[in-house]
Amino acid sequence: MGEKAVIFLTGASRKPDVERGDIVICADSGYLSAIGQGIRVDHLVGDMDSLSLEYLSRAVEDGVTIHRFPPHKDGSDGELALELALELGFRYMEILGGKSGRLDHFLSTVFFNSRAGREVTLEIWMEKDLLLFLPEGRSITKPAEWEVISILPYGGDCIVTTTGLKWELAGDTIEHGSTRGVHNEAPGETFTVTCDRGALLLILSGMK
């Protein structure tokens, strides 16, 4: 098994690094983004309401495994793609797209972290923004190549410690609904964010 599952959603614009053994899953029209970038697709998931017969035929010819669901289903195409990656045993996923289109789909993509669970690492790329989920006790270090670094509490208050940011947090509490952690910066070469308690979303915007 490869290291990661790459999931294409509607509006995916970033070309991922797909290595040998990785798996590529497309949620409905995410297939158009993948083949438009020359990416080999392994699985196509959804009700296919956004794909023409021409593209469905192409997927079949290319050997893509198609998981077709009825329009009146209990989850979005993106969630079905996420669930497939979980069923296949992947615990690291790179999700592309989900920002364009409807607000409800955008928000549900943000909440994929809750669906996946704390043992799964998700990187969600929405155009040029990167969303990372940090559960309690997890740290992450990133290059200081982002113009804006924002920390948002996820599902309740969180306690955060940082190093390498312009405005540091040293075991500080960010209350649920507060914007205290919005728009920080990293003046050095790297920065580290640690979720001491609770859970948080780390949003990185504007790669330098």
N, C-alpha and C. Protein backbone atom coordinates (compact mmCIF):
# COMPACT_ATOMS: atom_id res chain seq x y z
N MET A 1 0.84 -1.19 0.00
CA MET A 1 0.00 0.00 0.00
C MET A 1 0.88 1.25 0.00
N GLY A 2 0.45 2.25 -0.73
CA GLY A 2 1.18 3.51 -0.76
C GLY A 2 1.04 4.29 0.54
N GLU A 3 1.67 5.44 0.55
CA GLU A 3 1.66 6.26 1.77
C GLU A 3 0.37 7.02 1.95
N LYS A 4 -0.29 7.39 0.84
CA LYS A 4 -1.43 8.29 1.00
C LYS A 4 -2.51 8.02 -0.04
N ALA A 5 -3.70 8.52 0.29
CA ALA A 5 -4.81 8.56 -0.66
C ALA A 5 -4.99 10.01 -1.08
N VAL A 6 -5.05 10.24 -2.38
CA VAL A 6 -5.27 11.58 -2.92
C VAL A 6 -6.72 11.63 -3.40
N ILE A 7 -7.49 12.58 -2.85
CA ILE A 7 -8.91 12.67 -3.17
C ILE A 7 -9.19 13.99 -3.89
N PHE A 8 -9.72 13.90 -5.10
CA PHE A 8 -10.08 15.07 -5.87
C PHE A 8 -11.56 15.38 -5.68
N LEU A 9 -11.86 16.61 -5.25
CA LEU A 9 -13.23 17.10 -5.15
C LEU A 9 -13.46 18.13 -6.25
N THR A 10 -14.68 18.64 -6.33
CA THR A 10 -15.00 19.68 -7.31
C THR A 10 -14.12 20.91 -7.10
N GLY A 11 -13.58 21.44 -8.16
CA GLY A 11 -12.80 22.66 -8.08
C GLY A 11 -11.35 22.47 -7.70
N ALA A 12 -10.86 21.24 -7.71
CA ALA A 12 -9.46 21.01 -7.37
C ALA A 12 -8.56 21.66 -8.42
N SER A 13 -7.63 22.50 -7.97
CA SER A 13 -6.75 23.21 -8.90
C SER A 13 -5.28 22.89 -8.68
N ARG A 14 -4.94 22.37 -7.55
CA ARG A 14 -3.55 22.07 -7.24
C ARG A 14 -3.18 20.68 -7.75
N LYS A 15 -2.01 20.56 -8.36
CA LYS A 15 -1.55 19.26 -8.83
C LYS A 15 -0.74 18.60 -7.72
N PRO A 16 -1.18 17.45 -7.25
CA PRO A 16 -0.48 16.79 -6.14
C PRO A 16 0.71 15.98 -6.63
N ASP A 17 1.57 15.61 -5.70
CA ASP A 17 2.65 14.68 -6.00
C ASP A 17 2.14 13.27 -5.73
N VAL A 18 1.86 12.55 -6.78
CA VAL A 18 1.36 11.18 -6.64
C VAL A 18 2.52 10.23 -6.86
N GLU A 19 2.86 9.48 -5.83
CA GLU A 19 3.99 8.57 -5.90
C GLU A 19 3.52 7.15 -6.17
N ARG A 20 4.44 6.33 -6.53
CA ARG A 20 4.15 4.93 -6.82
C ARG A 20 3.49 4.28 -5.60
N GLY A 21 2.34 3.65 -5.81
CA GLY A 21 1.66 2.98 -4.72
C GLY A 21 0.59 3.83 -4.05
N ASP A 22 0.60 5.15 -4.30
CA ASP A 22 -0.49 5.99 -3.79
C ASP A 22 -1.77 5.66 -4.55
N ILE A 23 -2.89 6.04 -3.98
CA ILE A 23 -4.18 5.78 -4.63
C ILE A 23 -4.87 7.12 -4.89
N VAL A 24 -5.53 7.22 -6.04
CA VAL A 24 -6.24 8.45 -6.40
C VAL A 24 -7.73 8.14 -6.49
N ILE A 25 -8.51 8.89 -5.72
CA ILE A 25 -9.96 8.73 -5.68
C ILE A 25 -10.59 10.05 -6.10
N CYS A 26 -11.54 10.00 -7.02
CA CYS A 26 -12.23 11.21 -7.46
C CYS A 26 -13.69 11.16 -7.05
N ALA A 27 -14.17 12.27 -6.52
CA ALA A 27 -15.58 12.42 -6.19
C ALA A 27 -16.27 13.13 -7.35
N ASP A 28 -17.02 12.37 -8.12
CA ASP A 28 -17.80 12.91 -9.22
C ASP A 28 -16.96 13.81 -10.13
N SER A 29 -17.28 15.11 -10.22
CA SER A 29 -16.60 15.98 -11.17
C SER A 29 -15.14 16.26 -10.79
N GLY A 30 -14.71 15.81 -9.64
CA GLY A 30 -13.29 15.87 -9.32
C GLY A 30 -12.46 15.09 -10.34
N TYR A 31 -13.14 14.16 -11.02
CA TYR A 31 -12.48 13.38 -12.07
C TYR A 31 -11.96 14.28 -13.19
N LEU A 32 -12.70 15.33 -13.51
CA LEU A 32 -12.29 16.25 -14.57
C LEU A 32 -11.00 16.97 -14.20
N SER A 33 -10.88 17.34 -12.93
CA SER A 33 -9.66 18.02 -12.48
C SER A 33 -8.47 17.07 -12.55
N ALA A 34 -8.67 15.83 -12.15
CA ALA A 34 -7.57 14.87 -12.14
C ALA A 34 -7.06 14.57 -13.54
N ILE A 35 -7.96 14.23 -14.46
CA ILE A 35 -7.49 13.88 -15.80
C ILE A 35 -7.00 15.11 -16.55
N GLY A 36 -7.51 16.29 -16.18
CA GLY A 36 -7.03 17.52 -16.79
C GLY A 36 -5.59 17.81 -16.45
N GLN A 37 -5.10 17.23 -15.33
CA GLN A 37 -3.71 17.39 -14.91
C GLN A 37 -2.87 16.17 -15.25
N GLY A 38 -3.49 15.23 -15.97
CA GLY A 38 -2.75 14.04 -16.37
C GLY A 38 -2.53 13.04 -15.24
N ILE A 39 -3.41 13.08 -14.24
CA ILE A 39 -3.28 12.19 -13.09
C ILE A 39 -4.02 10.88 -13.35
N ARG A 40 -3.36 9.77 -13.07
CA ARG A 40 -4.01 8.47 -13.19
C ARG A 40 -5.02 8.30 -12.06
N VAL A 41 -6.23 7.88 -12.39
CA VAL A 41 -7.31 7.74 -11.40
C VAL A 41 -7.58 6.26 -11.13
N ASP A 42 -7.71 5.90 -9.87
CA ASP A 42 -7.99 4.51 -9.48
C ASP A 42 -9.48 4.28 -9.22
N HIS A 43 -10.13 5.23 -8.54
CA HIS A 43 -11.53 5.06 -8.16
C HIS A 43 -12.31 6.34 -8.46
N LEU A 44 -13.55 6.16 -8.91
CA LEU A 44 -14.47 7.27 -9.15
C LEU A 44 -15.73 7.00 -8.34
N VAL A 45 -16.10 7.96 -7.47
CA VAL A 45 -17.18 7.76 -6.50
C VAL A 45 -18.24 8.84 -6.66
N GLY A 46 -19.52 8.48 -6.54
CA GLY A 46 -20.58 9.48 -6.51
C GLY A 46 -21.80 9.08 -7.30
N ASP A 47 -22.72 10.03 -7.43
CA ASP A 47 -23.93 9.76 -8.21
C ASP A 47 -23.76 10.11 -9.69
N MET A 48 -22.62 10.69 -10.02
CA MET A 48 -22.24 11.00 -11.40
C MET A 48 -23.16 12.00 -12.07
N ASP A 49 -23.78 12.86 -11.30
CA ASP A 49 -24.69 13.84 -11.90
C ASP A 49 -23.94 14.99 -12.57
N SER A 50 -22.63 15.06 -12.36
CA SER A 50 -21.85 16.15 -12.95
C SER A 50 -20.90 15.67 -14.03
N LEU A 51 -21.03 14.41 -14.43
CA LEU A 51 -20.16 13.86 -15.46
C LEU A 51 -21.00 13.39 -16.65
N SER A 52 -20.53 13.72 -17.83
CA SER A 52 -21.23 13.28 -19.04
C SER A 52 -20.93 11.81 -19.32
N LEU A 53 -21.73 11.22 -20.18
CA LEU A 53 -21.52 9.83 -20.58
C LEU A 53 -20.14 9.65 -21.23
N GLU A 54 -19.69 10.69 -21.91
CA GLU A 54 -18.37 10.63 -22.55
C GLU A 54 -17.27 10.39 -21.52
N TYR A 55 -17.31 11.13 -20.41
CA TYR A 55 -16.27 10.97 -19.39
C TYR A 55 -16.43 9.68 -18.61
N LEU A 56 -17.67 9.25 -18.39
CA LEU A 56 -17.87 7.97 -17.72
C LEU A 56 -17.32 6.83 -18.58
N SER A 57 -17.53 6.92 -19.88
CA SER A 57 -17.00 5.91 -20.79
C SER A 57 -15.47 5.92 -20.77
N ARG A 58 -14.91 7.10 -20.71
CA ARG A 58 -13.45 7.20 -20.65
C ARG A 58 -12.92 6.55 -19.38
N ALA A 59 -13.61 6.78 -18.26
CA ALA A 59 -13.18 6.18 -17.01
C ALA A 59 -13.18 4.66 -17.10
N VAL A 60 -14.23 4.11 -17.70
CA VAL A 60 -14.32 2.65 -17.86
C VAL A 60 -13.17 2.15 -18.74
N GLU A 61 -12.91 2.85 -19.84
CA GLU A 61 -11.84 2.45 -20.76
C GLU A 61 -10.48 2.51 -20.09
N ASP A 62 -10.31 3.45 -19.16
CA ASP A 62 -9.02 3.60 -18.48
C ASP A 62 -8.88 2.66 -17.28
N GLY A 63 -9.88 1.83 -17.04
CA GLY A 63 -9.78 0.86 -15.96
C GLY A 63 -10.07 1.41 -14.58
N VAL A 64 -10.75 2.54 -14.52
CA VAL A 64 -11.10 3.14 -13.24
C VAL A 64 -12.23 2.32 -12.59
N THR A 65 -12.09 2.04 -11.31
CA THR A 65 -13.17 1.36 -10.58
C THR A 65 -14.24 2.38 -10.22
N ILE A 66 -15.46 2.16 -10.68
CA ILE A 66 -16.54 3.12 -10.48
C ILE A 66 -17.48 2.64 -9.38
N HIS A 67 -17.71 3.53 -8.42
CA HIS A 67 -18.63 3.27 -7.30
C HIS A 67 -19.80 4.24 -7.48
N ARG A 68 -20.87 3.75 -8.07
CA ARG A 68 -21.99 4.64 -8.39
C ARG A 68 -23.08 4.52 -7.35
N PHE A 69 -23.59 5.67 -6.90
CA PHE A 69 -24.61 5.73 -5.87
C PHE A 69 -25.84 6.45 -6.42
N PRO A 70 -27.02 6.18 -5.85
CA PRO A 70 -28.22 6.90 -6.28
C PRO A 70 -28.16 8.37 -5.86
N PRO A 71 -28.86 9.25 -6.56
CA PRO A 71 -28.84 10.68 -6.19
C PRO A 71 -29.29 10.94 -4.77
N HIS A 72 -30.28 10.19 -4.29
CA HIS A 72 -30.79 10.40 -2.94
C HIS A 72 -30.03 9.48 -1.98
N LYS A 73 -28.85 9.94 -1.60
CA LYS A 73 -27.97 9.16 -0.72
C LYS A 73 -27.77 9.92 0.58
N ASP A 74 -27.13 9.26 1.55
CA ASP A 74 -26.99 9.85 2.88
C ASP A 74 -25.70 10.62 3.09
N GLY A 75 -24.89 10.77 2.08
CA GLY A 75 -23.64 11.52 2.22
C GLY A 75 -23.27 12.17 0.91
N SER A 76 -22.43 13.19 0.97
CA SER A 76 -21.96 13.86 -0.24
C SER A 76 -20.99 12.94 -0.98
N ASP A 77 -20.73 13.27 -2.23
CA ASP A 77 -19.77 12.49 -3.00
C ASP A 77 -18.39 12.54 -2.34
N GLY A 78 -18.04 13.70 -1.78
CA GLY A 78 -16.76 13.83 -1.10
C GLY A 78 -16.65 12.93 0.12
N GLU A 79 -17.72 12.86 0.89
CA GLU A 79 -17.71 11.99 2.07
C GLU A 79 -17.60 10.52 1.66
N LEU A 80 -18.28 10.15 0.59
CA LEU A 80 -18.19 8.78 0.10
C LEU A 80 -16.76 8.44 -0.34
N ALA A 81 -16.08 9.40 -0.95
CA ALA A 81 -14.69 9.19 -1.33
C ALA A 81 -13.80 9.03 -0.10
N LEU A 82 -14.06 9.85 0.92
CA LEU A 82 -13.32 9.75 2.18
C LEU A 82 -13.53 8.39 2.82
N GLU A 83 -14.77 7.94 2.85
CA GLU A 83 -15.08 6.64 3.46
C GLU A 83 -14.41 5.50 2.71
N LEU A 84 -14.32 5.61 1.38
CA LEU A 84 -13.64 4.58 0.61
C LEU A 84 -12.16 4.52 0.98
N ALA A 85 -11.53 5.69 1.12
CA ALA A 85 -10.11 5.72 1.50
C ALA A 85 -9.91 5.09 2.88
N LEU A 86 -10.84 5.34 3.79
CA LEU A 86 -10.75 4.74 5.12
C LEU A 86 -10.92 3.23 5.04
N GLU A 87 -11.88 2.77 4.25
CA GLU A 87 -12.10 1.34 4.09
C GLU A 87 -10.88 0.64 3.50
N LEU A 88 -10.16 1.34 2.64
CA LEU A 88 -8.96 0.76 2.03
C LEU A 88 -7.75 0.81 2.96
N GLY A 89 -7.94 1.39 4.14
CA GLY A 89 -6.89 1.36 5.16
C GLY A 89 -5.94 2.53 5.19
N PHE A 90 -6.22 3.58 4.43
CA PHE A 90 -5.31 4.73 4.40
C PHE A 90 -5.52 5.60 5.63
N ARG A 91 -4.43 6.05 6.20
CA ARG A 91 -4.48 6.92 7.38
C ARG A 91 -3.82 8.27 7.13
N TYR A 92 -3.40 8.50 5.89
CA TYR A 92 -2.91 9.81 5.48
C TYR A 92 -3.57 10.15 4.15
N MET A 93 -4.23 11.30 4.09
CA MET A 93 -4.98 11.67 2.89
C MET A 93 -4.70 13.12 2.53
N GLU A 94 -4.61 13.35 1.23
CA GLU A 94 -4.50 14.70 0.68
C GLU A 94 -5.77 14.96 -0.11
N ILE A 95 -6.55 15.92 0.34
CA ILE A 95 -7.83 16.24 -0.28
C ILE A 95 -7.71 17.56 -1.03
N LEU A 96 -8.13 17.57 -2.28
CA LEU A 96 -7.97 18.74 -3.13
C LEU A 96 -9.34 19.24 -3.57
N GLY A 97 -9.56 20.55 -3.43
CA GLY A 97 -10.81 21.14 -3.87
C GLY A 97 -11.81 21.28 -2.74
N GLY A 98 -13.07 21.56 -3.13
CA GLY A 98 -14.13 21.70 -2.13
C GLY A 98 -14.44 23.13 -1.75
N LYS A 99 -13.67 24.08 -2.26
CA LYS A 99 -13.91 25.48 -1.88
C LYS A 99 -14.89 26.18 -2.81
N SER A 100 -14.89 25.79 -4.06
CA SER A 100 -15.79 26.43 -5.02
C SER A 100 -17.18 25.82 -4.92
N GLY A 101 -18.16 26.57 -5.39
CA GLY A 101 -19.52 26.03 -5.39
C GLY A 101 -20.29 26.37 -4.13
N ARG A 102 -21.04 25.41 -3.62
CA ARG A 102 -21.99 25.65 -2.55
C ARG A 102 -21.32 25.74 -1.18
N LEU A 103 -21.88 26.63 -0.35
CA LEU A 103 -21.35 26.83 1.00
C LEU A 103 -21.50 25.57 1.85
N ASP A 104 -22.60 24.83 1.69
CA ASP A 104 -22.79 23.65 2.52
C ASP A 104 -21.74 22.58 2.22
N HIS A 105 -21.36 22.44 0.95
CA HIS A 105 -20.31 21.49 0.60
C HIS A 105 -18.95 21.95 1.13
N PHE A 106 -18.71 23.25 1.07
CA PHE A 106 -17.46 23.79 1.62
C PHE A 106 -17.32 23.48 3.11
N LEU A 107 -18.36 23.77 3.86
CA LEU A 107 -18.30 23.54 5.31
C LEU A 107 -18.20 22.06 5.65
N SER A 108 -18.92 21.22 4.90
CA SER A 108 -18.85 19.79 5.19
C SER A 108 -17.45 19.25 4.93
N THR A 109 -16.75 19.82 3.95
CA THR A 109 -15.37 19.41 3.69
C THR A 109 -14.47 19.78 4.86
N VAL A 110 -14.66 20.97 5.42
CA VAL A 110 -13.89 21.39 6.60
C VAL A 110 -14.08 20.40 7.74
N PHE A 111 -15.29 19.88 7.89
CA PHE A 111 -15.59 18.97 8.98
C PHE A 111 -15.25 17.52 8.68
N PHE A 112 -14.59 17.24 7.56
CA PHE A 112 -14.15 15.89 7.26
C PHE A 112 -13.25 15.33 8.37
N ASN A 113 -12.55 16.23 9.06
CA ASN A 113 -11.66 15.78 10.12
C ASN A 113 -12.40 14.98 11.19
N SER A 114 -13.59 15.44 11.54
CA SER A 114 -14.38 14.73 12.53
C SER A 114 -14.80 13.36 12.02
N ARG A 115 -15.09 13.28 10.76
CA ARG A 115 -15.52 12.01 10.16
C ARG A 115 -14.37 11.02 10.10
N ALA A 116 -13.18 11.53 9.83
CA ALA A 116 -12.03 10.65 9.66
C ALA A 116 -11.51 10.10 10.99
N GLY A 117 -11.56 10.93 12.06
CA GLY A 117 -11.04 10.49 13.36
C GLY A 117 -9.63 10.99 13.60
N ARG A 118 -9.23 10.98 14.86
CA ARG A 118 -7.96 11.58 15.25
C ARG A 118 -6.75 10.79 14.78
N GLU A 119 -6.93 9.51 14.44
CA GLU A 119 -5.79 8.70 13.99
C GLU A 119 -5.47 8.92 12.52
N VAL A 120 -6.30 9.68 11.83
CA VAL A 120 -6.10 9.94 10.41
C VAL A 120 -5.57 11.36 10.22
N THR A 121 -4.58 11.50 9.38
CA THR A 121 -4.02 12.81 9.06
C THR A 121 -4.56 13.28 7.71
N LEU A 122 -5.22 14.42 7.72
CA LEU A 122 -5.76 15.00 6.50
C LEU A 122 -5.04 16.30 6.17
N GLU A 123 -4.71 16.48 4.90
CA GLU A 123 -4.30 17.77 4.37
C GLU A 123 -5.36 18.17 3.36
N ILE A 124 -6.06 19.25 3.62
CA ILE A 124 -7.12 19.69 2.73
C ILE A 124 -6.66 20.96 2.00
N TRP A 125 -6.46 20.84 0.70
CA TRP A 125 -6.04 21.97 -0.12
C TRP A 125 -7.26 22.57 -0.80
N MET A 126 -7.58 23.81 -0.45
CA MET A 126 -8.66 24.54 -1.09
C MET A 126 -8.06 25.72 -1.84
N GLU A 127 -7.86 25.51 -3.13
CA GLU A 127 -7.12 26.47 -3.95
C GLU A 127 -5.74 26.67 -3.33
N LYS A 128 -5.41 27.87 -2.83
CA LYS A 128 -4.07 28.09 -2.28
C LYS A 128 -4.04 28.05 -0.75
N ASP A 129 -5.14 27.62 -0.16
CA ASP A 129 -5.20 27.50 1.30
C ASP A 129 -5.03 26.04 1.70
N LEU A 130 -4.27 25.82 2.77
CA LEU A 130 -4.07 24.48 3.31
C LEU A 130 -4.68 24.40 4.70
N LEU A 131 -5.58 23.43 4.91
CA LEU A 131 -6.22 23.22 6.21
C LEU A 131 -5.65 21.95 6.84
N LEU A 132 -5.22 22.08 8.09
CA LEU A 132 -4.68 20.95 8.83
C LEU A 132 -5.41 20.85 10.17
N PHE A 133 -5.70 19.63 10.58
CA PHE A 133 -6.40 19.38 11.83
C PHE A 133 -5.41 18.85 12.86
N LEU A 134 -5.40 19.48 14.04
CA LEU A 134 -4.54 19.02 15.12
C LEU A 134 -5.39 18.63 16.32
N PRO A 135 -5.46 17.33 16.63
CA PRO A 135 -6.15 16.91 17.85
C PRO A 135 -5.26 17.14 19.06
N GLU A 136 -5.80 16.92 20.20
CA GLU A 136 -5.07 17.12 21.46
C GLU A 136 -3.78 16.28 21.47
N GLY A 137 -2.69 16.97 21.86
CA GLY A 137 -1.40 16.29 21.99
C GLY A 137 -0.57 16.24 20.72
N ARG A 138 -1.07 16.78 19.62
CA ARG A 138 -0.32 16.70 18.37
C ARG A 138 0.35 18.03 18.05
N SER A 139 1.57 17.94 17.53
CA SER A 139 2.32 19.12 17.08
C SER A 139 2.60 19.00 15.60
N ILE A 140 2.83 20.15 14.98
CA ILE A 140 3.22 20.15 13.57
C ILE A 140 4.19 21.29 13.34
N THR A 141 5.23 21.02 12.56
CA THR A 141 6.22 22.03 12.19
C THR A 141 6.18 22.20 10.68
N LYS A 142 6.12 23.46 10.25
CA LYS A 142 6.02 23.76 8.83
C LYS A 142 7.03 24.85 8.46
N PRO A 143 7.46 24.87 7.20
CA PRO A 143 8.30 25.98 6.73
C PRO A 143 7.52 27.29 6.78
N ALA A 144 8.23 28.36 7.02
CA ALA A 144 7.58 29.68 7.10
C ALA A 144 7.40 30.27 5.71
N GLU A 145 6.68 29.53 4.86
CA GLU A 145 6.49 29.94 3.47
C GLU A 145 5.08 30.47 3.23
N TRP A 146 4.35 30.73 4.32
CA TRP A 146 2.97 31.18 4.23
C TRP A 146 2.85 32.61 4.73
N GLU A 147 2.05 33.41 4.03
CA GLU A 147 1.86 34.80 4.44
C GLU A 147 0.97 34.92 5.68
N VAL A 148 -0.03 34.05 5.77
CA VAL A 148 -0.98 34.13 6.88
C VAL A 148 -1.13 32.75 7.51
N ILE A 149 -1.06 32.72 8.84
CA ILE A 149 -1.22 31.49 9.62
C ILE A 149 -2.33 31.74 10.63
N SER A 150 -3.39 30.96 10.55
CA SER A 150 -4.52 31.15 11.46
C SER A 150 -4.80 29.88 12.23
N ILE A 151 -5.15 30.06 13.49
CA ILE A 151 -5.45 28.94 14.39
C ILE A 151 -6.88 29.12 14.90
N LEU A 152 -7.74 28.16 14.59
CA LEU A 152 -9.13 28.22 15.01
C LEU A 152 -9.48 27.04 15.90
N PRO A 153 -10.14 27.28 17.03
CA PRO A 153 -10.59 26.16 17.87
C PRO A 153 -11.60 25.32 17.11
N TYR A 154 -11.58 24.02 17.37
CA TYR A 154 -12.41 23.10 16.60
C TYR A 154 -13.26 22.28 17.56
N GLY A 155 -14.55 22.60 17.63
CA GLY A 155 -15.47 21.83 18.45
C GLY A 155 -15.48 22.20 19.92
N GLY A 156 -14.79 23.28 20.29
CA GLY A 156 -14.73 23.69 21.69
C GLY A 156 -13.48 24.51 21.93
N ASP A 157 -13.25 24.92 23.17
CA ASP A 157 -12.03 25.68 23.49
C ASP A 157 -10.80 24.81 23.24
N CYS A 158 -9.69 25.46 22.93
CA CYS A 158 -8.43 24.72 22.79
C CYS A 158 -7.31 25.51 23.46
N ILE A 159 -6.31 24.77 23.90
CA ILE A 159 -5.11 25.37 24.49
C ILE A 159 -3.95 25.14 23.54
N VAL A 160 -3.22 26.22 23.22
CA VAL A 160 -2.24 26.18 22.12
C VAL A 160 -0.90 26.72 22.57
N THR A 161 0.17 26.08 22.09
CA THR A 161 1.53 26.58 22.27
C THR A 161 2.19 26.68 20.91
N THR A 162 2.86 27.78 20.63
CA THR A 162 3.53 27.97 19.34
C THR A 162 4.97 28.41 19.54
N THR A 163 5.78 28.16 18.53
CA THR A 163 7.13 28.74 18.44
C THR A 163 7.34 29.16 16.99
N GLY A 164 8.05 30.26 16.81
CA GLY A 164 8.36 30.73 15.47
C GLY A 164 7.33 31.65 14.86
N LEU A 165 6.30 32.03 15.63
CA LEU A 165 5.28 32.95 15.11
C LEU A 165 5.54 34.36 15.64
N LYS A 166 5.01 35.33 14.92
CA LYS A 166 5.19 36.73 15.33
C LYS A 166 4.50 36.99 16.66
N TRP A 167 3.30 36.44 16.83
CA TRP A 167 2.57 36.57 18.09
C TRP A 167 2.42 35.17 18.69
N GLU A 168 3.29 34.87 19.66
CA GLU A 168 3.36 33.53 20.20
C GLU A 168 2.22 33.24 21.18
N LEU A 169 1.91 31.96 21.29
CA LEU A 169 0.97 31.46 22.28
C LEU A 169 1.72 30.47 23.15
N ALA A 170 1.61 30.65 24.46
CA ALA A 170 2.33 29.80 25.40
C ALA A 170 1.33 29.16 26.36
N GLY A 171 0.70 28.09 25.88
CA GLY A 171 -0.33 27.45 26.68
C GLY A 171 -1.56 28.33 26.84
N ASP A 172 -1.83 29.14 25.82
CA ASP A 172 -2.96 30.06 25.87
C ASP A 172 -4.25 29.36 25.43
N THR A 173 -5.35 29.79 26.00
CA THR A 173 -6.65 29.26 25.62
C THR A 173 -7.28 30.13 24.53
N ILE A 174 -7.72 29.49 23.46
CA ILE A 174 -8.53 30.16 22.45
C ILE A 174 -9.94 29.62 22.58
N GLU A 175 -10.85 30.48 22.93
CA GLU A 175 -12.23 30.05 23.17
C GLU A 175 -12.95 29.74 21.87
N HIS A 176 -13.85 28.79 21.96
CA HIS A 176 -14.64 28.40 20.80
C HIS A 176 -15.42 29.61 20.28
N GLY A 177 -15.27 29.90 19.00
CA GLY A 177 -15.93 31.07 18.40
C GLY A 177 -15.07 32.31 18.40
N SER A 178 -13.93 32.29 19.10
CA SER A 178 -13.05 33.46 19.16
C SER A 178 -12.20 33.55 17.89
N THR A 179 -11.86 34.78 17.51
CA THR A 179 -10.97 35.00 16.36
C THR A 179 -9.56 35.38 16.80
N ARG A 180 -9.23 35.11 18.04
CA ARG A 180 -7.91 35.49 18.56
C ARG A 180 -6.77 34.90 17.74
N GLY A 181 -6.95 33.70 17.23
CA GLY A 181 -5.87 33.04 16.51
C GLY A 181 -5.82 33.34 15.03
N VAL A 182 -6.69 34.24 14.56
CA VAL A 182 -6.74 34.55 13.12
C VAL A 182 -5.60 35.49 12.74
N HIS A 183 -4.94 35.22 11.64
CA HIS A 183 -3.91 36.05 11.01
C HIS A 183 -2.69 36.26 11.89
N ASN A 184 -1.88 35.21 11.94
CA ASN A 184 -0.55 35.31 12.52
C ASN A 184 0.46 35.23 11.38
N GLU A 185 1.75 35.40 11.70
CA GLU A 185 2.79 35.35 10.69
C GLU A 185 4.00 34.63 11.26
N ALA A 186 4.84 34.12 10.34
CA ALA A 186 6.07 33.43 10.75
C ALA A 186 7.27 34.15 10.15
N PRO A 187 7.99 34.93 10.93
CA PRO A 187 9.09 35.72 10.38
C PRO A 187 10.38 34.93 10.14
N GLY A 188 10.50 33.75 10.72
CA GLY A 188 11.73 32.98 10.58
C GLY A 188 11.68 31.96 9.46
N GLU A 189 12.32 30.82 9.69
CA GLU A 189 12.38 29.78 8.66
C GLU A 189 11.31 28.71 8.85
N THR A 190 10.97 28.41 10.10
CA THR A 190 9.94 27.41 10.40
C THR A 190 9.09 27.88 11.57
N PHE A 191 7.98 27.23 11.78
CA PHE A 191 7.16 27.49 12.95
C PHE A 191 6.52 26.18 13.39
N THR A 192 6.16 26.12 14.66
CA THR A 192 5.56 24.92 15.24
C THR A 192 4.29 25.30 15.99
N VAL A 193 3.26 24.51 15.81
CA VAL A 193 2.00 24.69 16.54
C VAL A 193 1.69 23.38 17.26
N THR A 194 1.38 23.49 18.55
CA THR A 194 1.04 22.33 19.37
C THR A 194 -0.33 22.53 19.98
N CYS A 195 -1.18 21.53 19.83
CA CYS A 195 -2.50 21.57 20.48
C CYS A 195 -2.37 20.85 21.82
N ASP A 196 -2.31 21.62 22.89
CA ASP A 196 -2.14 21.04 24.22
C ASP A 196 -3.43 20.41 24.74
N ARG A 197 -4.54 21.00 24.38
CA ARG A 197 -5.83 20.47 24.83
C ARG A 197 -6.91 20.86 23.82
N GLY A 198 -7.89 19.98 23.66
CA GLY A 198 -8.96 20.24 22.71
C GLY A 198 -8.55 19.84 21.30
N ALA A 199 -8.95 20.62 20.32
CA ALA A 199 -8.60 20.38 18.93
C ALA A 199 -8.64 21.70 18.19
N LEU A 200 -7.87 21.79 17.11
CA LEU A 200 -7.82 23.06 16.37
C LEU A 200 -7.66 22.81 14.89
N LEU A 201 -8.03 23.83 14.13
CA LEU A 201 -7.77 23.89 12.69
C LEU A 201 -6.65 24.89 12.46
N LEU A 202 -5.63 24.45 11.75
CA LEU A 202 -4.53 25.32 11.34
C LEU A 202 -4.75 25.63 9.86
N ILE A 203 -4.91 26.92 9.54
CA ILE A 203 -5.19 27.34 8.18
C ILE A 203 -4.01 28.16 7.67
N LEU A 204 -3.39 27.70 6.61
CA LEU A 204 -2.22 28.36 6.03
C LEU A 204 -2.63 28.95 4.69
N SER A 205 -2.39 30.25 4.52
CA SER A 205 -2.86 30.96 3.33
C SER A 205 -1.75 31.78 2.69
N GLY A 206 -1.81 31.89 1.37
CA GLY A 206 -0.92 32.79 0.66
C GLY A 206 0.53 32.34 0.70
N MET A 207 0.84 31.22 0.03
CA MET A 207 2.23 30.76 0.02
C MET A 207 3.12 31.82 -0.62
N LYS A 208 4.23 32.13 0.06
CA LYS A 208 5.13 33.19 -0.40
C LYS A 208 5.87 32.78 -1.68
